[in-house]
């Protein structure tokens, strides 16, 4: 494709340098080639180049192309079509498409995230007035420094990088917003949590953001985006299912899941402010969690992630202690620390004595806490 691309770009340069422009295509303009139909939208030029006409017994045909350099990109895209029907009255037979010459990589959301425009489904639509719209078919592959794929027999069988795909028609490149599908992923630096976006939107628009979009205050500080949120670029994850790490599995071994909204994902990582209630509950033998034989609930979860950095992971709930044949529950507040270690602070009005994991007797004071490690996806606590 490279020779064809070079020719498209050379034709574009000649038209621009020699100002070979027209505002409308008709028979009177087809006197000297190449000639360009120029249109300006949102400050960007879109030039359809007519480089030749072929006359045959069956009619007249145009050869046309377009070279376009997206903002924030170092390279231009090239589109071309041959044998475009041209009527004797001097017009095209309706709207016409120019096809993208081969797949093309762009880096529009950071240098490590690769956005690939597919030649199958990416085109320019135009008529006698010039450019009408782009049709885009694209996949974006996220940097492995940001997201990790979750192997899946159907969606991600080859354990490739996390992928977002979208198709959209746009009239202004500076206003690119589209529904997207993102394969399930884990966040580098936030171990064990799995994210599956049921609704995601890619935002490459400098004019607007998706409906209901907002940037958390913690994100905007120091980034110069306060008041100019329209300039933000990335993915807005409107609806996401988050599976907690395996140590939070229910008694029936199923994952504990929560549904959350309004996460953002950009060149620097995932940002989320998550709050959920009643994730693991008592009352159903299969719906509580297990900690070395103790049942526990998770009544409240708060999870703050800023650009892949876990700022806060806080849990509240109850532990159910088997004491002399009677179950007693203690309230707890827990914090997730580094290297999969948790700190559980227990709240008890009185001191308690009970057997614990093979020890003959353990005394639990009102100020006691549990230091809990995760080994082989299981909570292993030690009372203090």
Protein backbone atom coordinates (compact mmCIF):
# COMPACT_ATOMS: atom_id res chain seq x y z
CA UNK A 1 0.00 0.00 0.00
CA UNK A 2 2.88 2.39 0.59
CA UNK A 3 3.34 3.44 -3.06
CA UNK A 4 -0.41 4.14 -3.39
CA UNK A 5 -0.37 6.09 -0.12
CA UNK A 6 2.63 8.16 -1.22
CA UNK A 7 0.84 9.04 -4.46
CA UNK A 8 -2.29 10.15 -2.59
CA UNK A 9 -0.24 12.40 -0.28
CA UNK A 10 1.76 13.84 -3.21
CA UNK A 11 -1.47 14.71 -5.06
CA UNK A 12 -2.79 16.42 -1.93
CA UNK A 13 0.39 18.49 -1.53
CA UNK A 14 0.28 19.62 -5.16
CA UNK A 15 -3.33 20.77 -4.82
CA UNK A 16 -2.60 22.71 -1.63
CA UNK A 17 0.67 24.26 -2.79
CA UNK A 18 -0.79 25.38 -6.13
CA UNK A 19 -4.22 26.22 -4.67
CA UNK A 20 -6.07 24.03 -7.15
CA UNK A 21 -9.45 24.26 -5.43
CA UNK A 22 -13.10 24.28 -6.37
CA UNK A 23 -16.19 24.40 -4.19
CA UNK A 24 -18.30 22.16 -6.38
CA UNK A 25 -17.66 19.39 -8.87
CA UNK A 26 -19.18 19.75 -12.34
CA UNK A 27 -18.06 19.36 -15.92
CA UNK A 28 -16.59 22.88 -16.10
CA UNK A 29 -14.11 22.18 -13.28
CA UNK A 30 -12.63 19.10 -14.94
CA UNK A 31 -10.22 20.95 -17.21
CA UNK A 32 -6.89 20.49 -15.48
CA UNK A 33 -5.83 17.87 -12.94
CA UNK A 34 -5.40 17.39 -10.10
CA UNK A 35 -8.16 19.50 -8.59
CA UNK A 36 -9.52 19.50 -5.05
CA UNK A 37 -12.98 20.07 -3.58
CA UNK A 38 -12.24 21.78 -0.28
CA UNK A 39 -14.50 21.90 2.74
CA UNK A 40 -13.66 23.28 6.21
CA UNK A 41 -15.43 21.80 9.26
CA UNK A 42 -14.49 22.72 12.82
CA UNK A 43 -11.26 24.32 11.67
CA UNK A 44 -10.06 21.24 9.78
CA UNK A 45 -9.69 20.99 6.00
CA UNK A 46 -11.15 18.04 4.12
CA UNK A 47 -9.96 17.97 0.48
CA UNK A 48 -11.29 15.47 -2.04
CA UNK A 49 -8.70 15.20 -4.82
CA UNK A 50 -9.74 14.42 -8.40
CA UNK A 51 -6.55 13.32 -10.15
CA UNK A 52 -7.84 12.06 -13.50
CA UNK A 53 -10.82 11.23 -15.70
CA UNK A 54 -11.09 8.15 -17.90
CA UNK A 55 -13.42 8.25 -20.93
CA UNK A 56 -14.69 4.91 -22.22
CA UNK A 57 -17.48 3.82 -24.56
CA UNK A 58 -19.44 2.98 -21.44
CA UNK A 59 -19.12 6.45 -19.91
CA UNK A 60 -16.79 8.74 -17.96
CA UNK A 61 -15.07 7.71 -14.75
CA UNK A 62 -13.14 9.64 -12.09
CA UNK A 63 -10.19 8.59 -9.99
CA UNK A 64 -10.33 10.32 -6.58
CA UNK A 65 -8.48 10.28 -3.31
CA UNK A 66 -8.14 12.06 0.02
CA UNK A 67 -5.20 12.67 2.33
CA UNK A 68 -6.13 13.63 5.88
CA UNK A 69 -3.92 14.27 8.91
CA UNK A 70 -5.85 13.82 12.16
CA UNK A 71 -5.01 16.25 14.96
CA UNK A 72 -2.58 14.79 17.53
CA UNK A 73 -1.27 12.37 14.88
CA UNK A 74 2.11 12.44 13.15
CA UNK A 75 0.89 10.63 10.04
CA UNK A 76 -1.81 11.21 7.43
CA UNK A 77 -4.52 8.78 6.40
CA UNK A 78 -4.96 7.96 2.72
CA UNK A 79 -8.22 7.07 0.96
CA UNK A 80 -8.76 6.22 -2.70
CA UNK A 81 -11.30 4.97 -5.24
CA UNK A 82 -11.13 4.38 -8.99
CA UNK A 83 -13.68 4.26 -11.81
CA UNK A 84 -16.23 6.48 -10.08
CA UNK A 85 -19.17 7.03 -12.43
CA UNK A 86 -19.51 10.60 -13.73
CA UNK A 87 -22.60 11.67 -15.70
CA UNK A 88 -22.66 13.64 -18.96
CA UNK A 89 -24.48 16.39 -17.11
CA UNK A 90 -21.35 16.85 -15.02
CA UNK A 91 -22.17 15.22 -11.70
CA UNK A 92 -21.66 12.14 -9.61
CA UNK A 93 -24.25 9.46 -9.34
CA UNK A 94 -25.14 10.21 -5.71
CA UNK A 95 -22.74 9.82 -2.77
CA UNK A 96 -19.46 7.99 -3.33
CA UNK A 97 -16.96 6.30 -1.02
CA UNK A 98 -13.19 6.39 -0.87
CA UNK A 99 -11.70 3.38 0.93
CA UNK A 100 -8.84 3.47 3.43
CA UNK A 101 -5.62 2.14 1.87
CA UNK A 102 -4.74 -0.64 4.31
CA UNK A 103 -5.02 -0.77 8.09
CA UNK A 104 -3.56 2.29 9.78
CA UNK A 105 -2.24 2.79 13.32
CA UNK A 106 -2.85 6.01 15.24
CA UNK A 107 -1.78 6.99 18.74
CA UNK A 108 -4.64 9.20 19.89
CA UNK A 109 -4.82 8.06 23.54
CA UNK A 110 -1.20 7.91 24.67
CA UNK A 111 1.82 6.55 22.84
CA UNK A 112 1.48 3.00 24.21
CA UNK A 113 -2.19 2.47 23.36
CA UNK A 114 -2.51 1.53 19.69
CA UNK A 115 -5.63 2.54 17.78
CA UNK A 116 -5.89 0.58 14.52
CA UNK A 117 -8.26 1.79 11.79
CA UNK A 118 -9.39 -1.18 9.71
CA UNK A 119 -9.44 -0.93 5.92
CA UNK A 120 -12.61 -3.01 6.08
CA UNK A 121 -15.22 -0.52 7.22
CA UNK A 122 -13.19 2.71 7.25
CA UNK A 123 -14.03 5.10 4.40
CA UNK A 124 -14.76 8.67 3.31
CA UNK A 125 -18.18 9.49 1.91
CA UNK A 126 -18.45 12.45 -0.51
CA UNK A 127 -20.50 14.02 -3.29
CA UNK A 128 -20.24 16.95 -5.70
CA UNK A 129 -20.03 19.34 -2.73
CA UNK A 130 -17.04 17.48 -1.34
CA UNK A 131 -16.51 15.65 1.94
CA UNK A 132 -19.63 14.35 3.73
CA UNK A 133 -18.44 12.07 6.54
CA UNK A 134 -16.03 9.42 7.75
CA UNK A 135 -17.06 5.86 8.44
CA UNK A 136 -14.66 4.40 11.01
CA UNK A 137 -14.10 0.81 12.06
CA UNK A 138 -11.40 0.57 14.71
CA UNK A 139 -9.77 -1.49 17.43
CA UNK A 140 -7.67 -0.07 20.22
CA UNK A 141 -5.17 -2.23 22.08
CA UNK A 142 -4.34 -1.01 25.58
CA UNK A 143 -0.82 -0.93 26.95
CA UNK A 144 0.05 -3.91 29.15
CA UNK A 145 1.39 -1.35 31.63
CA UNK A 146 -2.23 -0.25 32.24
CA UNK A 147 -4.57 -3.22 31.73
CA UNK A 148 -4.24 -7.00 31.79
CA UNK A 149 -6.54 -9.26 29.75
CA UNK A 150 -8.73 -11.93 31.31
CA UNK A 151 -8.54 -15.09 29.18
CA UNK A 152 -11.93 -16.02 27.79
CA UNK A 153 -12.77 -18.86 25.44
CA UNK A 154 -14.88 -16.67 23.17
CA UNK A 155 -13.89 -13.02 23.66
CA UNK A 156 -10.13 -13.25 24.23
CA UNK A 157 -8.92 -16.77 23.39
CA UNK A 158 -5.34 -15.78 22.58
CA UNK A 159 -4.73 -13.80 25.78
CA UNK A 160 -3.98 -10.76 23.61
CA UNK A 161 -3.90 -7.23 24.95
CA UNK A 162 -7.13 -5.74 26.21
CA UNK A 163 -9.05 -4.51 23.18
CA UNK A 164 -11.71 -1.88 22.59
CA UNK A 165 -13.62 -1.92 19.30
CA UNK A 166 -16.04 0.59 17.78
CA UNK A 167 -17.73 1.61 14.55
CA UNK A 168 -19.12 5.08 13.92
CA UNK A 169 -19.94 7.64 11.22
CA UNK A 170 -18.76 11.21 11.96
CA UNK A 171 -18.93 14.51 10.07
CA UNK A 172 -16.25 16.26 12.17
CA UNK A 173 -13.08 14.46 13.25
CA UNK A 174 -12.85 16.79 16.27
CA UNK A 175 -16.20 15.45 17.49
CA UNK A 176 -15.50 11.71 17.64
CA UNK A 177 -17.68 10.01 20.25
CA UNK A 178 -18.82 6.40 19.82
CA UNK A 179 -20.21 3.42 21.69
CA UNK A 180 -17.42 0.87 22.23
CA UNK A 181 -16.97 -2.69 23.41
CA UNK A 182 -14.04 -3.41 25.75
CA UNK A 183 -12.89 -6.95 26.53
CA UNK A 184 -12.85 -7.89 30.26
CA UNK A 185 -9.74 -6.74 32.10
CA UNK A 186 -7.80 -6.39 35.31
CA UNK A 187 -6.09 -3.17 36.32
CA UNK A 188 -2.33 -3.24 36.75
CA UNK A 189 -1.67 -2.28 40.37
CA UNK A 190 -5.14 -3.32 41.61
CA UNK A 191 -4.72 -7.08 41.94
CA UNK A 192 -7.61 -9.50 41.75
CA UNK A 193 -10.45 -7.17 40.79
CA UNK A 194 -11.99 -8.00 37.40
CA UNK A 195 -13.81 -5.39 35.33
CA UNK A 196 -16.37 -6.04 32.59
CA UNK A 197 -17.85 -2.95 30.96
CA UNK A 198 -21.38 -3.53 29.71
CA UNK A 199 -21.52 0.03 28.31
CA UNK A 200 -18.50 2.08 27.28
CA UNK A 201 -18.02 5.21 25.19
CA UNK A 202 -14.82 6.41 23.53
CA UNK A 203 -14.44 10.19 23.74
CA UNK A 204 -12.01 11.80 21.29
CA UNK A 205 -14.12 14.94 20.91
CA UNK A 206 -12.78 18.41 21.70
CA UNK A 207 -16.31 19.81 21.55
CA UNK A 208 -18.31 17.78 24.08
CA UNK A 209 -18.30 14.81 26.42
CA UNK A 210 -20.70 11.86 26.60
CA UNK A 211 -24.02 12.39 28.40
CA UNK A 212 -23.71 12.24 32.23
CA UNK A 213 -19.91 12.33 32.01
CA UNK A 214 -17.90 13.99 34.73
CA UNK A 215 -14.27 14.02 35.88
CA UNK A 216 -13.67 13.32 39.59
CA UNK A 217 -12.09 16.23 41.44
CA UNK A 218 -9.17 14.02 42.44
CA UNK A 219 -8.44 13.51 38.74
CA UNK A 220 -8.60 17.15 37.63
CA UNK A 221 -6.24 18.46 40.33
CA UNK A 222 -2.92 19.37 38.72
CA UNK A 223 -4.02 18.41 35.19
CA UNK A 224 -5.35 21.74 33.98
CA UNK A 225 -8.72 20.28 32.98
CA UNK A 226 -10.96 22.16 35.39
CA UNK A 227 -13.47 24.01 33.23
CA UNK A 228 -12.19 22.46 29.99
CA UNK A 229 -13.36 18.88 30.49
CA UNK A 230 -14.25 18.73 26.78
CA UNK A 231 -10.54 18.32 26.02
CA UNK A 232 -10.31 15.07 27.96
CA UNK A 233 -9.71 11.97 25.84
CA UNK A 234 -10.37 8.39 26.81
CA UNK A 235 -13.11 5.88 27.57
CA UNK A 236 -16.11 6.61 29.76
CA UNK A 237 -17.32 3.35 31.34
CA UNK A 238 -20.94 4.06 32.09
CA UNK A 239 -21.87 0.58 33.37
CA UNK A 240 -19.36 -1.93 34.76
CA UNK A 241 -19.58 -5.26 36.57
CA UNK A 242 -16.70 -5.60 39.06
CA UNK A 243 -15.85 -9.08 40.37
CA UNK A 244 -14.07 -9.03 43.72
CA UNK A 245 -10.88 -11.11 44.21
CA UNK A 246 -11.33 -14.86 44.85
CA UNK A 247 -10.78 -14.51 48.63
CA UNK A 248 -14.20 -12.81 48.65
CA UNK A 249 -15.90 -15.73 46.93
CA UNK A 250 -19.23 -16.77 48.38
CA UNK A 251 -19.61 -20.05 50.22
CA UNK A 252 -20.84 -21.64 46.98
CA UNK A 253 -17.52 -20.48 45.37
CA UNK A 254 -19.25 -17.98 43.06
CA UNK A 255 -17.65 -14.57 42.63
CA UNK A 256 -18.93 -11.64 44.62
CA UNK A 257 -19.95 -9.00 42.07
CA UNK A 258 -21.00 -5.38 42.19
CA UNK A 259 -22.42 -3.10 39.51
CA UNK A 260 -20.88 0.35 39.31
CA UNK A 261 -21.08 3.42 37.11
CA UNK A 262 -19.00 6.34 35.89
CA UNK A 263 -15.45 5.01 35.60
CA UNK A 264 -12.93 6.67 33.30
CA UNK A 265 -10.01 5.10 31.44
CA UNK A 266 -7.38 7.13 29.63
CA UNK A 267 -3.73 7.05 28.61
CA UNK A 268 -2.63 7.03 32.24
CA UNK A 269 -4.93 4.34 33.64
CA UNK A 270 -8.27 3.71 35.30
CA UNK A 271 -9.92 6.14 37.71
CA UNK A 272 -12.88 4.98 39.81
CA UNK A 273 -14.71 6.04 42.95
CA UNK A 274 -16.66 2.92 43.94
CA UNK A 275 -19.12 2.48 46.78
CA UNK A 276 -21.32 -0.61 47.18
CA UNK A 277 -23.49 -2.15 49.89
CA UNK A 278 -24.53 -5.66 50.96
CA UNK A 279 -22.07 -7.56 48.82
CA UNK A 280 -21.77 -10.63 51.08
CA UNK A 281 -24.66 -11.18 53.46
CA UNK A 282 -25.71 -13.53 56.27
CA UNK A 283 -29.02 -15.34 56.24
CA UNK A 284 -28.22 -17.54 53.26
CA UNK A 285 -25.55 -20.18 53.80
CA UNK A 286 -24.27 -19.64 50.27
CA UNK A 287 -24.11 -15.83 50.26
CA UNK A 288 -21.58 -15.09 53.00
CA UNK A 289 -17.81 -15.24 52.73
CA UNK A 290 -15.47 -17.68 54.49
CA UNK A 291 -12.30 -16.86 56.40
CA UNK A 292 -10.64 -20.09 57.59
CA UNK A 293 -13.99 -21.42 58.82
CA UNK A 294 -15.43 -18.11 59.97
CA UNK A 295 -18.27 -16.64 58.01
CA UNK A 296 -18.14 -12.95 57.25
CA UNK A 297 -20.27 -10.35 55.54
CA UNK A 298 -19.29 -7.30 53.50
CA UNK A 299 -21.92 -4.68 54.22
CA UNK A 300 -20.00 -1.73 52.75
CA UNK A 301 -17.15 -1.44 50.26
CA UNK A 302 -15.31 1.74 49.28
CA UNK A 303 -12.69 1.56 46.56
CA UNK A 304 -10.86 4.61 45.22
CA UNK A 305 -8.54 4.19 42.24
CA UNK A 306 -6.70 7.12 40.68
CA UNK A 307 -4.85 6.38 37.44
CA UNK A 308 -4.24 2.72 38.41
CA UNK A 309 -3.11 3.73 41.90
CA UNK A 310 -5.23 2.17 44.65
CA UNK A 311 -5.77 5.10 47.00
CA UNK A 312 -8.29 3.47 49.34
CA UNK A 313 -9.86 0.05 49.84
CA UNK A 314 -12.13 -0.01 52.89
CA UNK A 315 -14.58 -2.71 54.03
CA UNK A 316 -17.21 -2.86 56.74
CA UNK A 317 -19.21 -5.87 57.85
CA UNK A 318 -19.40 -8.61 60.46
CA UNK A 319 -17.44 -11.72 61.44
CA UNK A 320 -19.37 -14.70 62.76
CA UNK A 321 -17.46 -16.46 65.56
CA UNK A 322 -18.33 -20.04 66.64
CA UNK A 323 -18.15 -19.71 70.44
CA UNK A 324 -19.19 -22.66 72.59
CA UNK A 325 -21.82 -23.81 70.17
CA UNK A 326 -23.32 -20.37 69.68
CA UNK A 327 -22.61 -18.01 66.80
CA UNK A 328 -21.65 -14.51 67.75
CA UNK A 329 -21.00 -11.72 65.29
CA UNK A 330 -18.53 -8.90 65.66
CA UNK A 331 -18.55 -5.71 63.64
CA UNK A 332 -15.34 -5.00 61.77
CA UNK A 333 -13.73 -2.31 59.68
CA UNK A 334 -10.98 -3.45 57.31
CA UNK A 335 -8.41 -1.84 55.05
CA UNK A 336 -6.57 -3.40 52.15
CA UNK A 337 -2.83 -2.81 52.35
CA UNK A 338 0.11 -3.69 50.11
CA UNK A 339 1.01 -7.24 49.04
CA UNK A 340 -2.50 -8.60 49.53
CA UNK A 341 -2.56 -7.97 53.28
CA UNK A 342 -5.71 -6.78 55.08
CA UNK A 343 -6.07 -5.12 58.46
CA UNK A 344 -9.36 -5.98 60.26
CA UNK A 345 -10.23 -3.92 63.33
CA UNK A 346 -12.84 -5.70 65.45
CA UNK A 347 -15.43 -4.02 67.64
CA UNK A 348 -16.54 -5.85 70.76
CA UNK A 349 -18.01 -4.44 73.95
CA UNK A 350 -16.47 -7.21 76.09
CA UNK A 351 -13.46 -9.50 76.06
CA UNK A 352 -14.19 -12.90 74.53
CA UNK A 353 -12.55 -16.31 74.90
CA UNK A 354 -12.89 -18.94 72.19
CA UNK A 355 -10.93 -21.64 70.34
CA UNK A 356 -9.22 -20.49 67.13
CA UNK A 357 -7.71 -22.59 64.30
CA UNK A 358 -6.20 -25.31 66.49
CA UNK A 359 -5.21 -23.09 69.42
CA UNK A 360 -6.66 -24.19 72.77
CA UNK A 361 -7.98 -20.75 73.66
CA UNK A 362 -7.78 -17.20 72.33
CA UNK A 363 -8.76 -14.07 74.24
CA UNK A 364 -10.18 -11.23 72.12
CA UNK A 365 -10.18 -7.74 73.62
CA UNK A 366 -12.35 -4.80 72.51
CA UNK A 367 -9.30 -3.23 70.80
CA UNK A 368 -8.24 -6.41 69.01
CA UNK A 369 -7.57 -6.66 65.31
CA UNK A 370 -6.83 -9.31 62.73
CA UNK A 371 -3.85 -9.19 60.42
CA UNK A 372 -4.96 -11.15 57.37
CA UNK A 373 -2.86 -12.46 54.50
CA UNK A 374 -4.14 -13.87 51.24
CA UNK A 375 -2.47 -17.16 50.30
CA UNK A 376 -3.72 -19.22 47.36
CA UNK A 377 -6.74 -16.91 47.09
CA UNK A 378 -7.85 -17.65 50.68
CA UNK A 379 -7.95 -15.34 53.71
CA UNK A 380 -5.57 -16.54 56.45
CA UNK A 381 -6.01 -14.39 59.58
CA UNK A 382 -3.95 -14.04 62.74
CA UNK A 383 -5.55 -12.47 65.83
CA UNK A 384 -3.71 -9.77 67.81
